[in-house]
């Protein structure tokens, strides 16, 4: 596992599901293994700070070919849009919200 990437889904009963990459989390969510109503929170690792988790609803995401993730999603999460813009400086990545990332990552 790469410490700059990762995700967690926490159920209302406190069970934690951990993933290496955003696409793994999204596949799990789409599978229906945990109903949305039973999900307490969904978190991603902050690319800027090892070990820091961010709520997906507040994170900004870069989707780019130059981001090499463990399972090939090519998505990195940042604490704020400004941080994502700064990191993406003069590169071809695009910045998205969680709702947008859910639609484009297979």
Protein backbone atom coordinates (compact mmCIF):
# COMPACT_ATOMS: atom_id res chain seq x y z
CA UNK A 1 0.00 0.00 0.00
CA UNK A 2 1.17 3.48 -0.87
CA UNK A 3 0.74 5.92 2.05
CA UNK A 4 -0.36 8.74 -0.29
CA UNK A 5 -3.42 6.80 -1.41
CA UNK A 6 -6.16 4.82 0.28
CA UNK A 7 -9.77 5.00 1.33
CA UNK A 8 -12.07 3.82 4.06
CA UNK A 9 -15.76 3.22 4.32
CA UNK A 10 -17.07 3.14 7.89
CA UNK A 11 -20.48 1.68 8.64
CA UNK A 12 -22.87 2.99 11.27
CA UNK A 13 -22.05 -0.14 13.31
CA UNK A 14 -18.36 0.80 13.26
CA UNK A 15 -17.05 -1.75 10.75
CA UNK A 16 -14.21 -0.31 8.67
CA UNK A 17 -13.51 -1.38 5.09
CA UNK A 18 -10.08 -0.27 3.79
CA UNK A 19 -9.06 0.13 0.16
CA UNK A 20 -5.78 0.85 -1.65
CA UNK A 21 -7.30 3.13 -4.26
CA UNK A 22 -10.39 5.19 -5.10
CA UNK A 23 -11.53 2.80 -7.83
CA UNK A 24 -11.56 -0.11 -5.36
CA UNK A 25 -13.73 1.89 -2.97
CA UNK A 26 -16.12 2.87 -5.76
CA UNK A 27 -16.47 -0.72 -6.97
CA UNK A 28 -17.26 -1.80 -3.42
CA UNK A 29 -19.84 0.96 -3.01
CA UNK A 30 -21.46 0.08 -6.35
CA UNK A 31 -21.63 -3.60 -5.38
CA UNK A 32 -24.21 -2.86 -2.70
CA UNK A 33 -22.25 -4.77 -0.06
CA UNK A 34 -23.04 -1.89 2.32
CA UNK A 35 -26.21 0.08 1.71
CA UNK A 36 -25.75 3.86 1.55
CA UNK A 37 -28.12 4.20 4.52
CA UNK A 38 -25.74 2.02 6.58
CA UNK A 39 -22.66 4.11 5.76
CA UNK A 40 -21.47 6.46 8.48
CA UNK A 41 -18.56 8.02 6.60
CA UNK A 42 -16.40 7.63 3.54
CA UNK A 43 -12.80 8.82 3.78
CA UNK A 44 -9.74 9.23 1.56
CA UNK A 45 -6.07 9.67 2.38
CA UNK A 46 -4.86 13.24 2.00
CA UNK A 47 -2.13 13.12 -0.66
CA UNK A 48 -0.42 16.06 1.09
CA UNK A 49 -0.14 14.50 4.57
CA UNK A 50 0.62 10.86 5.31
CA UNK A 51 -1.98 9.25 7.52
CA UNK A 52 -4.50 12.09 7.39
CA UNK A 53 -7.98 11.10 6.32
CA UNK A 54 -10.43 13.46 4.66
CA UNK A 55 -14.17 13.18 4.22
CA UNK A 56 -14.80 12.58 0.52
CA UNK A 57 -17.46 15.28 0.57
CA UNK A 58 -14.91 17.97 1.45
CA UNK A 59 -11.89 16.72 -0.52
CA UNK A 60 -10.80 17.87 -3.95
CA UNK A 61 -9.51 15.27 -6.39
CA UNK A 62 -7.03 15.34 -9.26
CA UNK A 63 -7.54 12.80 -12.03
CA UNK A 64 -4.44 12.61 -14.23
CA UNK A 65 -2.23 10.20 -16.13
CA UNK A 66 0.82 11.45 -14.22
CA UNK A 67 -0.63 10.25 -10.89
CA UNK A 68 0.43 6.64 -10.45
CA UNK A 69 -1.82 4.96 -7.91
CA UNK A 70 -1.66 1.39 -6.54
CA UNK A 71 -4.65 0.10 -8.53
CA UNK A 72 -4.61 2.46 -11.48
CA UNK A 73 -7.36 4.95 -10.65
CA UNK A 74 -4.97 7.88 -11.25
CA UNK A 75 -6.80 9.87 -8.56
CA UNK A 76 -5.24 11.80 -5.67
CA UNK A 77 -7.19 13.55 -2.91
CA UNK A 78 -6.37 16.97 -1.45
CA UNK A 79 -7.70 18.93 1.51
CA UNK A 80 -8.76 21.90 -0.60
CA UNK A 81 -9.19 22.89 -4.22
CA UNK A 82 -6.37 25.40 -3.86
CA UNK A 83 -3.97 22.63 -2.82
CA UNK A 84 -5.00 20.52 -5.79
CA UNK A 85 -4.54 23.46 -8.18
CA UNK A 86 -1.08 24.16 -6.75
CA UNK A 87 0.00 20.51 -7.07
CA UNK A 88 -1.40 20.25 -10.61
CA UNK A 89 0.49 23.42 -11.61
CA UNK A 90 0.97 23.46 -15.41
CA UNK A 91 0.12 19.77 -15.77
CA UNK A 92 -2.75 18.16 -17.61
CA UNK A 93 -4.70 16.84 -14.63
CA UNK A 94 -8.28 17.87 -13.99
CA UNK A 95 -9.77 18.75 -10.62
CA UNK A 96 -13.05 17.24 -9.47
CA UNK A 97 -15.39 16.96 -6.51
CA UNK A 98 -16.36 13.57 -5.07
CA UNK A 99 -19.68 13.58 -6.92
CA UNK A 100 -17.84 14.18 -10.20
CA UNK A 101 -15.14 11.56 -9.52
CA UNK A 102 -17.83 8.95 -8.83
CA UNK A 103 -19.10 9.46 -12.38
CA UNK A 104 -15.78 9.23 -14.23
CA UNK A 105 -13.76 6.57 -12.39
CA UNK A 106 -14.72 3.07 -13.59
